[in-house]
PDB file of N, CA and C in Angstrom:
ATOM      1  N   GLY A   1     -24.977   6.349 -11.697  1.00  0.00           N
ATOM      2  CA  GLY A   1     -24.272   7.270 -11.503  1.00  0.00           C
ATOM      3  C   GLY A   1     -22.667   6.684 -10.953  1.00  0.00           C
ATOM      4  N   ARG A   2     -21.971   7.601 -10.817  1.00  0.00           N
ATOM      5  CA  ARG A   2     -20.609   7.224 -10.692  1.00  0.00           C
ATOM      6  C   ARG A   2     -19.967   7.668  -9.318  1.00  0.00           C
ATOM      7  N   SER A   3     -19.632   6.837  -8.585  1.00  0.00           N
ATOM      8  CA  SER A   3     -18.653   7.256  -7.302  1.00  0.00           C
ATOM      9  C   SER A   3     -17.655   6.584  -6.839  1.00  0.00           C
ATOM     10  N   VAL A   4     -16.937   7.213  -6.022  1.00  0.00           N
ATOM     11  CA  VAL A   4     -15.327   6.659  -5.411  1.00  0.00           C
ATOM     12  C   VAL A   4     -15.499   7.391  -4.026  1.00  0.00           C
ATOM     13  N   GLN A   5     -14.630   6.036  -3.313  1.00  0.00           N
ATOM     14  CA  GLN A   5     -14.808   6.520  -2.000  1.00  0.00           C
ATOM     15  C   GLN A   5     -13.520   6.089  -1.409  1.00  0.00           C
ATOM     16  N   LEU A   6     -12.810   6.555  -0.712  1.00  0.00           N
ATOM     17  CA  LEU A   6     -11.609   6.133  -0.053  1.00  0.00           C
ATOM     18  C   LEU A   6     -11.566   5.835   1.312  1.00  0.00           C
ATOM     19  N   SER A   7     -11.173   4.301   1.604  1.00  0.00           N
ATOM     20  CA  SER A   7     -11.250   3.659   2.833  1.00  0.00           C
ATOM     21  C   SER A   7     -10.838   4.455   3.726  1.00  0.00           C
ATOM     22  N   PRO A   8     -10.956   4.691   4.921  1.00  0.00           N
ATOM     23  CA  PRO A   8     -10.529   5.526   5.874  1.00  0.00           C
ATOM     24  C   PRO A   8      -9.372   4.828   6.754  1.00  0.00           C
ATOM     25  N   GLU A   9      -9.248   3.839   6.464  1.00  0.00           N
ATOM     26  CA  GLU A   9      -7.741   2.671   7.339  1.00  0.00           C
ATOM     27  C   GLU A   9      -6.958   2.713   6.289  1.00  0.00           C
ATOM     28  N   LEU A  10      -5.515   3.047   6.731  1.00  0.00           N
ATOM     29  CA  LEU A  10      -4.390   2.980   6.175  1.00  0.00           C
ATOM     30  C   LEU A  10      -3.638   1.737   6.470  1.00  0.00           C
ATOM     31  N   LYS A  11      -2.849   0.928   5.664  1.00  0.00           N
ATOM     32  CA  LYS A  11      -2.374   0.033   6.020  1.00  0.00           C
ATOM     33  C   LYS A  11      -0.914   0.220   5.727  1.00  0.00           C
ATOM     34  N   LYS A  12      -0.211   0.215   6.968  1.00  0.00           N
ATOM     35  CA  LYS A  12       1.346   0.441   6.631  1.00  0.00           C
ATOM     36  C   LYS A  12       2.166  -0.686   5.660  1.00  0.00           C
ATOM     37  N   ILE A  13       2.662  -0.547   4.894  1.00  0.00           N
ATOM     38  CA  ILE A  13       3.292  -1.293   4.008  1.00  0.00           C
ATOM     39  C   ILE A  13       4.852  -1.179   3.780  1.00  0.00           C
ATOM     40  N   GLY A  14       5.563  -0.104   4.696  1.00  0.00           N
ATOM     41  CA  GLY A  14       6.859   0.098   4.556  1.00  0.00           C
ATOM     42  C   GLY A  14       7.070   1.100   5.913  1.00  0.00           C
ATOM     43  N   LYS A  15       8.044   1.560   5.936  1.00  0.00           N
ATOM     44  CA  LYS A  15       8.620   2.569   6.652  1.00  0.00           C
ATOM     45  C   LYS A  15       7.897   3.848   6.670  1.00  0.00           C
ATOM     46  N   ASN A  16       7.483   4.496   5.538  1.00  0.00           N
ATOM     47  CA  ASN A  16       6.699   5.576   4.995  1.00  0.00           C
ATOM     48  C   ASN A  16       5.554   5.252   4.386  1.00  0.00           C
ATOM     49  N   GLU A  17       5.415   4.334   3.655  1.00  0.00           N
ATOM     50  CA  GLU A  17       4.050   4.041   2.661  1.00  0.00           C
ATOM     51  C   GLU A  17       3.062   3.706   3.782  1.00  0.00           C
ATOM     52  N   HIS A  18       2.142   3.686   3.335  1.00  0.00           N
ATOM     53  CA  HIS A  18       0.656   3.094   3.497  1.00  0.00           C
ATOM     54  C   HIS A  18      -0.103   2.648   2.130  1.00  0.00           C
ATOM     55  N   ALA A  19      -0.703   1.725   2.182  1.00  0.00           N
ATOM     56  CA  ALA A  19      -1.507   1.273   1.268  1.00  0.00           C
ATOM     57  C   ALA A  19      -3.117   2.072   1.378  1.00  0.00           C
ATOM     58  N   VAL A  20      -3.833   2.228   0.347  1.00  0.00           N
ATOM     59  CA  VAL A  20      -4.890   3.123   0.612  1.00  0.00           C
ATOM     60  C   VAL A  20      -5.943   2.015  -0.294  1.00  0.00           C
ATOM     61  N   LYS A  21      -6.851   1.731   0.355  1.00  0.00           N
ATOM     62  CA  LYS A  21      -8.115   0.771  -0.707  1.00  0.00           C
ATOM     63  C   LYS A  21      -8.898   1.839  -0.986  1.00  0.00           C
ATOM     64  N   VAL A  22      -9.648   1.644  -2.181  1.00  0.00           N
ATOM     65  CA  VAL A  22     -10.706   2.492  -2.904  1.00  0.00           C
ATOM     66  C   VAL A  22     -11.947   1.870  -3.067  1.00  0.00           C
ATOM     67  N   LYS A  23     -13.159   2.128  -3.027  1.00  0.00           N
ATOM     68  CA  LYS A  23     -14.242   1.374  -3.603  1.00  0.00           C
ATOM     69  C   LYS A  23     -15.077   2.545  -4.205  1.00  0.00           C
ATOM     70  N   VAL A  24     -15.417   1.523  -5.518  1.00  0.00           N
ATOM     71  CA  VAL A  24     -15.764   2.241  -6.455  1.00  0.00           C
ATOM     72  C   VAL A  24     -17.455   2.060  -6.731  1.00  0.00           C
ATOM     73  N   GLY A  25     -18.317   2.972  -6.921  1.00  0.00           N
ATOM     74  CA  GLY A  25     -19.928   2.841  -6.915  1.00  0.00           C
ATOM     75  C   GLY A  25     -20.106   2.644  -8.429  1.00  0.00           C
ATOM     76  N   GLY A  26     -21.265   2.348  -8.728  1.00  0.00           N
ATOM     77  CA  GLY A  26     -21.490   2.542 -10.373  1.00  0.00           C
ATOM     78  C   GLY A  26     -21.581   1.412 -11.067  1.00  0.00           C
ATOM     79  N   MET A  27     -22.451   1.471 -12.178  1.00  0.00           N
ATOM     80  CA  MET A  27     -22.352   0.204 -13.339  1.00  0.00           C
ATOM     81  C   MET A  27     -20.622   0.301 -13.887  1.00  0.00           C
ATOM     82  N   GLU A  28     -20.424   1.595 -14.587  1.00  0.00           N
ATOM     83  CA  GLU A  28     -19.062   1.708 -15.011  1.00  0.00           C
ATOM     84  C   GLU A  28     -17.848   2.000 -14.115  1.00  0.00           C
ATOM     85  N   LYS A  29     -16.967   1.198 -14.464  1.00  0.00           N
ATOM     86  CA  LYS A  29     -15.698   1.434 -13.839  1.00  0.00           C
ATOM     87  C   LYS A  29     -14.540   2.287 -14.202  1.00  0.00           C
ATOM     88  N   PRO A  30     -13.841   2.821 -13.489  1.00  0.00           N
ATOM     89  CA  PRO A  30     -13.022   3.918 -14.154  1.00  0.00           C
ATOM     90  C   PRO A  30     -11.849   3.312 -14.775  1.00  0.00           C
ATOM     91  N   VAL A  31     -11.156   3.656 -15.773  1.00  0.00           N
ATOM     92  CA  VAL A  31      -9.552   3.405 -16.333  1.00  0.00           C
ATOM     93  C   VAL A  31      -8.418   3.422 -15.353  1.00  0.00           C
ATOM     94  N   ALA A  32      -8.550   4.600 -14.649  1.00  0.00           N
ATOM     95  CA  ALA A  32      -7.286   4.911 -13.402  1.00  0.00           C
ATOM     96  C   ALA A  32      -7.846   5.427 -12.212  1.00  0.00           C
ATOM     97  N   LEU A  33      -7.199   5.388 -11.439  1.00  0.00           N
ATOM     98  CA  LEU A  33      -7.148   5.914 -10.122  1.00  0.00           C
ATOM     99  C   LEU A  33      -5.748   6.983  -9.804  1.00  0.00           C
ATOM    100  N   LYS A  34      -6.158   7.981  -9.162  1.00  0.00           N
ATOM    101  CA  LYS A  34      -5.306   8.767  -8.795  1.00  0.00           C
ATOM    102  C   LYS A  34      -5.729   9.314  -7.102  1.00  0.00           C
ATOM    103  N   LEU A  35      -4.573   9.328  -6.459  1.00  0.00           N
ATOM    104  CA  LEU A  35      -4.538   9.711  -4.920  1.00  0.00           C
ATOM    105  C   LEU A  35      -4.023  11.086  -5.023  1.00  0.00           C
ATOM    106  N   VAL A  36      -4.711  12.139  -4.434  1.00  0.00           N
ATOM    107  CA  VAL A  36      -4.298  13.432  -4.717  1.00  0.00           C
ATOM    108  C   VAL A  36      -3.952  13.882  -3.361  1.00  0.00           C
ATOM    109  N   SER A  37      -3.322  14.947  -3.095  1.00  0.00           N
ATOM    110  CA  SER A  37      -3.257  15.643  -1.752  1.00  0.00           C
ATOM    111  C   SER A  37      -3.090  17.200  -2.311  1.00  0.00           C
ATOM    112  N   GLY A  38      -3.975  17.771  -1.989  1.00  0.00           N
ATOM    113  CA  GLY A  38      -3.993  19.484  -2.754  1.00  0.00           C
ATOM    114  C   GLY A  38      -3.916  19.307  -3.977  1.00  0.00           C
ATOM    115  N   GLU A  39      -3.317  19.608  -4.479  1.00  0.00           N
ATOM    116  CA  GLU A  39      -2.820  20.120  -6.269  1.00  0.00           C
ATOM    117  C   GLU A  39      -2.129  18.578  -6.730  1.00  0.00           C
ATOM    118  N   MET A  40      -1.385  18.139  -5.740  1.00  0.00           N
ATOM    119  CA  MET A  40      -0.197  16.986  -5.899  1.00  0.00           C
ATOM    120  C   MET A  40      -0.592  15.993  -6.493  1.00  0.00           C
ATOM    121  N   THR A  41      -0.466  15.023  -7.204  1.00  0.00           N
ATOM    122  CA  THR A  41      -0.745  13.836  -7.461  1.00  0.00           C
ATOM    123  C   THR A  41       0.475  12.860  -6.752  1.00  0.00           C
ATOM    124  N   VAL A  42      -0.318  12.038  -5.385  1.00  0.00           N
ATOM    125  CA  VAL A  42       0.738  11.431  -4.896  1.00  0.00           C
ATOM    126  C   VAL A  42       0.810   9.722  -5.640  1.00  0.00           C
ATOM    127  N   ASP A  43      -0.217   9.287  -5.955  1.00  0.00           N
ATOM    128  CA  ASP A  43       0.077   8.310  -6.751  1.00  0.00           C
ATOM    129  C   ASP A  43      -0.985   7.823  -7.842  1.00  0.00           C
ATOM    130  N   LYS A  44      -0.757   7.194  -9.073  1.00  0.00           N
ATOM    131  CA  LYS A  44      -1.768   6.980  -9.898  1.00  0.00           C
ATOM    132  C   LYS A  44      -1.283   5.291 -10.513  1.00  0.00           C
ATOM    133  N   LYS A  45      -2.544   4.592 -10.755  1.00  0.00           N
ATOM    134  CA  LYS A  45      -2.803   3.264 -11.020  1.00  0.00           C
ATOM    135  C   LYS A  45      -3.787   3.123 -12.251  1.00  0.00           C
ATOM    136  N   SER A  46      -3.586   2.243 -12.852  1.00  0.00           N
ATOM    137  CA  SER A  46      -4.531   1.526 -13.717  1.00  0.00           C
ATOM    138  C   SER A  46      -5.744   0.818 -12.563  1.00  0.00           C
ATOM    139  N   TYR A  47      -7.214   0.656 -13.063  1.00  0.00           N
ATOM    140  CA  TYR A  47      -7.931   0.470 -12.325  1.00  0.00           C
ATOM    141  C   TYR A  47      -8.331  -1.138 -12.342  1.00  0.00           C
ATOM    142  N   SER A  48      -8.017  -1.443 -11.084  1.00  0.00           N
ATOM    143  CA  SER A  48      -8.779  -2.955 -10.873  1.00  0.00           C
ATOM    144  C   SER A  48      -9.354  -2.923  -9.898  1.00  0.00           C
ATOM    145  N   GLU A  49     -10.226  -4.074  -9.218  1.00  0.00           N
ATOM    146  CA  GLU A  49     -10.935  -4.361  -8.104  1.00  0.00           C
ATOM    147  C   GLU A  49      -9.753  -4.323  -7.069  1.00  0.00           C
ATOM    148  N   GLU A  50      -9.236  -4.858  -6.919  1.00  0.00           N
ATOM    149  CA  GLU A  50      -7.794  -4.749  -5.813  1.00  0.00           C
ATOM    150  C   GLU A  50      -6.911  -3.742  -5.830  1.00  0.00           C
ATOM    151  N   ALA A  51      -7.199  -3.077  -6.544  1.00  0.00           N
ATOM    152  CA  ALA A  51      -6.283  -1.612  -6.516  1.00  0.00           C
ATOM    153  C   ALA A  51      -5.709  -0.931  -5.396  1.00  0.00           C
ATOM    154  N   GLU A  52      -4.564  -0.740  -4.693  1.00  0.00           N
ATOM    155  CA  GLU A  52      -4.309   0.115  -3.618  1.00  0.00           C
ATOM    156  C   GLU A  52      -3.453   1.222  -4.230  1.00  0.00           C
ATOM    157  N   LEU A  53      -3.768   2.214  -3.636  1.00  0.00           N
ATOM    158  CA  LEU A  53      -2.839   3.481  -3.781  1.00  0.00           C
ATOM    159  C   LEU A  53      -1.896   3.395  -2.792  1.00  0.00           C
ATOM    160  N   ILE A  54      -0.349   4.109  -3.221  1.00  0.00           N
ATOM    161  CA  ILE A  54       0.429   3.985  -1.683  1.00  0.00           C
ATOM    162  C   ILE A  54       0.414   5.405  -1.846  1.00  0.00           C
ATOM    163  N   LEU A  55       0.492   5.703  -0.486  1.00  0.00           N
ATOM    164  CA  LEU A  55       0.535   7.228   0.269  1.00  0.00           C
ATOM    165  C   LEU A  55       1.995   7.145   0.812  1.00  0.00           C
ATOM    166  N   ASP A  56       2.573   7.783   0.380  1.00  0.00           N
ATOM    167  CA  ASP A  56       4.213   7.830   0.915  1.00  0.00           C
ATOM    168  C   ASP A  56       3.982   9.197   1.633  1.00  0.00           C
ATOM    169  N   GLU A  57       4.146   8.967   2.895  1.00  0.00           N
ATOM    170  CA  GLU A  57       4.193  10.288   4.086  1.00  0.00           C
ATOM    171  C   GLU A  57       5.879  11.269   3.678  1.00  0.00           C
ATOM    172  N   LEU A  58       6.726  10.938   2.849  1.00  0.00           N
ATOM    173  CA  LEU A  58       7.674  11.779   2.329  1.00  0.00           C
ATOM    174  C   LEU A  58       7.298  12.801   1.390  1.00  0.00           C
ATOM    175  N   ILE A  59       6.664  12.318   0.604  1.00  0.00           N
ATOM    176  CA  ILE A  59       5.728  12.893  -0.284  1.00  0.00           C
ATOM    177  C   ILE A  59       4.848  14.200   0.229  1.00  0.00           C
ATOM    178  N   VAL A  60       3.619  13.831   1.150  1.00  0.00           N
ATOM    179  CA  VAL A  60       3.007  14.383   1.628  1.00  0.00           C
ATOM    180  C   VAL A  60       3.416  15.734   2.932  1.00  0.00           C
ATOM    181  N   GLY A  61       4.372  15.109   3.528  1.00  0.00           N
ATOM    182  CA  GLY A  61       4.937  15.911   4.507  1.00  0.00           C
ATOM    183  C   GLY A  61       4.371  15.657   6.077  1.00  0.00           C
ATOM    184  N   GLU A  62       4.930  15.916   6.772  1.00  0.00           N
ATOM    185  CA  GLU A  62       4.507  15.728   8.378  1.00  0.00           C
ATOM    186  C   GLU A  62       3.250  16.751   8.265  1.00  0.00           C
ATOM    187  N   GLY A  63       2.677  16.540   9.550  1.00  0.00           N
ATOM    188  CA  GLY A  63       1.397  17.528   9.752  1.00  0.00           C
ATOM    189  C   GLY A  63       0.052  17.093   9.261  1.00  0.00           C
ATOM    190  N   PRO A  64      -0.823  17.969   9.541  1.00  0.00           N
ATOM    191  CA  PRO A  64      -2.323  17.530   9.275  1.00  0.00           C
ATOM    192  C   PRO A  64      -2.214  17.479   7.666  1.00  0.00           C
ATOM    193  N   ASN A  65      -3.132  16.431   7.278  1.00  0.00           N
ATOM    194  CA  ASN A  65      -3.209  16.167   5.697  1.00  0.00           C
ATOM    195  C   ASN A  65      -4.453  15.639   4.964  1.00  0.00           C
ATOM    196  N   ARG A  66      -4.753  15.974   4.268  1.00  0.00           N
ATOM    197  CA  ARG A  66      -5.947  15.581   3.407  1.00  0.00           C
ATOM    198  C   ARG A  66      -5.603  14.867   2.144  1.00  0.00           C
ATOM    199  N   VAL A  67      -6.237  13.927   1.788  1.00  0.00           N
ATOM    200  CA  VAL A  67      -5.820  13.196   0.574  1.00  0.00           C
ATOM    201  C   VAL A  67      -7.532  12.791   0.129  1.00  0.00           C
ATOM    202  N   ARG A  68      -7.513  12.573  -1.142  1.00  0.00           N
ATOM    203  CA  ARG A  68      -8.647  12.147  -1.636  1.00  0.00           C
ATOM    204  C   ARG A  68      -8.436  11.548  -3.096  1.00  0.00           C
ATOM    205  N   VAL A  69      -9.102  10.546  -3.363  1.00  0.00           N
ATOM    206  CA  VAL A  69      -8.935   9.858  -4.522  1.00  0.00           C
ATOM    207  C   VAL A  69      -9.937  10.155  -5.769  1.00  0.00           C
ATOM    208  N   ILE A  70      -9.388  10.348  -7.283  1.00  0.00           N
ATOM    209  CA  ILE A  70      -9.942  10.616  -8.694  1.00  0.00           C
ATOM    210  C   ILE A  70     -10.016   9.409  -9.253  1.00  0.00           C
ATOM    211  N   ALA A  71     -11.175   8.979  -9.474  1.00  0.00           N
ATOM    212  CA  ALA A  71     -11.307   7.807 -10.681  1.00  0.00           C
ATOM    213  C   ALA A  71     -11.426   8.449 -11.822  1.00  0.00           C
ATOM    214  N   VAL A  72     -10.644   8.591 -12.956  1.00  0.00           N
ATOM    215  CA  VAL A  72     -10.954   8.611 -14.150  1.00  0.00           C
ATOM    216  C   VAL A  72     -11.810   7.429 -15.538  1.00  0.00           C
ATOM    217  N   TYR A  73     -12.529   8.072 -15.741  1.00  0.00           N
ATOM    218  CA  TYR A  73     -13.377   7.305 -16.773  1.00  0.00           C
ATOM    219  C   TYR A  73     -12.825   7.430 -18.058  1.00  0.00           C
ATOM    220  N   ALA A  74     -13.045   6.235 -19.160  1.00  0.00           N
ATOM    221  CA  ALA A  74     -13.031   6.535 -20.251  1.00  0.00           C
ATOM    222  C   ALA A  74     -13.207   7.767 -21.017  1.00  0.00           C
ATOM    223  N   ASP A  75     -14.430   8.334 -20.847  1.00  0.00           N
ATOM    224  CA  ASP A  75     -14.815   9.179 -21.538  1.00  0.00           C
ATOM    225  C   ASP A  75     -14.384  10.952 -21.115  1.00  0.00           C
ATOM    226  N   GLY A  76     -13.336  10.553 -19.788  1.00  0.00           N
ATOM    227  CA  GLY A  76     -12.537  11.609 -19.631  1.00  0.00           C
ATOM    228  C   GLY A  76     -12.950  12.225 -18.396  1.00  0.00           C
ATOM    229  N   MET A  77     -14.114  11.748 -18.192  1.00  0.00           N
ATOM    230  CA  MET A  77     -14.727  12.408 -16.894  1.00  0.00           C
ATOM    231  C   MET A  77     -14.350  12.141 -15.461  1.00  0.00           C
ATOM    232  N   GLU A  78     -13.813  13.003 -14.527  1.00  0.00           N
ATOM    233  CA  GLU A  78     -13.157  12.743 -13.278  1.00  0.00           C
ATOM    234  C   GLU A  78     -14.112  12.836 -12.219  1.00  0.00           C
ATOM    235  N   VAL A  79     -14.181  11.634 -11.591  1.00  0.00           N
ATOM    236  CA  VAL A  79     -14.827  11.733 -10.138  1.00  0.00           C
ATOM    237  C   VAL A  79     -14.235  11.642  -8.868  1.00  0.00           C
ATOM    238  N   SER A  80     -14.427  12.985  -8.043  1.00  0.00           N
ATOM    239  CA  SER A  80     -13.365  12.781  -6.851  1.00  0.00           C
ATOM    240  C   SER A  80     -14.250  12.138  -5.745  1.00  0.00           C
ATOM    241  N   SER A  81     -13.670  11.290  -4.349  1.00  0.00           N
ATOM    242  CA  SER A  81     -13.830  11.099  -3.557  1.00  0.00           C
ATOM    243  C   SER A  81     -14.043  12.587  -2.123  1.00  0.00           C
ATOM    244  N   GLU A  82     -14.610  12.204  -1.066  1.00  0.00           N
ATOM    245  CA  GLU A  82     -14.685  12.960   0.041  1.00  0.00           C
ATOM    246  C   GLU A  82     -13.316  13.255   0.542  1.00  0.00           C
ATOM    247  N   PRO A  83     -12.424  14.218   0.458  1.00  0.00           N
ATOM    248  CA  PRO A  83     -11.447  14.238   1.401  1.00  0.00           C
ATOM    249  C   PRO A  83     -11.484  13.234   2.763  1.00  0.00           C
ATOM    250  N   VAL A  84     -10.140  12.482   2.878  1.00  0.00           N
ATOM    251  CA  VAL A  84      -9.894  11.996   3.936  1.00  0.00           C
ATOM    252  C   VAL A  84      -8.499  12.784   4.843  1.00  0.00           C
ATOM    253  N   SER A  85      -8.974  13.361   6.130  1.00  0.00           N
ATOM    254  CA  SER A  85      -8.011  14.002   6.872  1.00  0.00           C
ATOM    255  C   SER A  85      -7.266  12.600   7.809  1.00  0.00           C
ATOM    256  N   PHE A  86      -5.991  12.928   7.883  1.00  0.00           N
ATOM    257  CA  PHE A  86      -5.097  12.829   8.884  1.00  0.00           C
ATOM    258  C   PHE A  86      -3.759  13.154   9.479  1.00  0.00           C
ATOM    259  N   ASP A  87      -2.895  12.753  10.167  1.00  0.00           N
ATOM    260  CA  ASP A  87      -2.156  13.450  10.822  1.00  0.00           C
ATOM    261  C   ASP A  87      -0.921  12.533  10.663  1.00  0.00           C
ATOM    262  N   ILE A  88       0.281  13.343   9.699  1.00  0.00           N
ATOM    263  CA  ILE A  88       1.649  12.563   9.711  1.00  0.00           C
ATOM    264  C   ILE A  88       2.711  12.899  10.752  1.00  0.00           C
ATOM    265  N   THR A  89       3.339  11.982  11.857  1.00  0.00           N
ATOM    266  CA  THR A  89       4.142  12.891  12.666  1.00  0.00           C
ATOM    267  C   THR A  89       5.149  11.679  12.188  1.00  0.00           C
ATOM    268  N   PHE A  90       6.537  12.241  11.688  1.00  0.00           N
ATOM    269  CA  PHE A  90       7.849  11.751  11.630  1.00  0.00           C
ATOM    270  C   PHE A  90       8.282  10.798  12.914  1.00  0.00           C
ATOM    271  N   ASN A  91       8.737   9.242  12.983  1.00  0.00           N
ATOM    272  CA  ASN A  91       9.513   9.053  13.996  1.00  0.00           C
ATOM    273  C   ASN A  91      11.118   9.491  13.627  1.00  0.00           C
ATOM    274  N   THR A  92      11.244  10.518  14.740  1.00  0.00           N
ATOM    275  CA  THR A  92      12.611  10.976  14.126  1.00  0.00           C
ATOM    276  C   THR A  92      13.849   9.857  15.574  1.00  0.00           C
ATOM    277  N   GLU A  93      13.236   9.368  16.399  1.00  0.00           N
ATOM    278  CA  GLU A  93      14.153   8.393  17.204  1.00  0.00           C
ATOM    279  C   GLU A  93      15.136   7.505  16.491  1.00  0.00           C
ATOM    280  N   GLU A  94      16.357   7.836  16.643  1.00  0.00           N
ATOM    281  CA  GLU A  94      17.324   6.778  16.162  1.00  0.00           C
ATOM    282  C   GLU A  94      17.248   5.436  16.824  1.00  0.00           C
ATOM    283  N   GLU A  95      17.268   4.466  16.111  1.00  0.00           N
ATOM    284  CA  GLU A  95      17.166   3.057  16.533  1.00  0.00           C
ATOM    285  C   GLU A  95      18.367   2.249  16.965  1.00  0.00           C
ATOM    286  N   GLU A  96      18.382   2.134  18.072  1.00  0.00           N
ATOM    287  CA  GLU A  96      19.611   1.427  18.722  1.00  0.00           C
ATOM    288  C   GLU A  96      20.151   0.033  18.067  1.00  0.00           C
TER     289      GLU A  96
END
């Protein structure tokens, strides 16, 4: 079977960017990975064991959000992970 999972830990890599790890199950590996929020594709990368998808807060916006990853296989099949929920609050304080 084919399966894909989103790591629940987000790694902050920039002011508004977070790297998201993906775990792929099954013998066959996908050709590409897509990070989606609703119907919107937030990031897309060619598959590799170390691939990290980038979640940009400015793209998904403030408030409660749900993202999932879609693994795309060579035969055109797409397998989706369970959605992961998180909350985004923009830091609006000016730095002195």
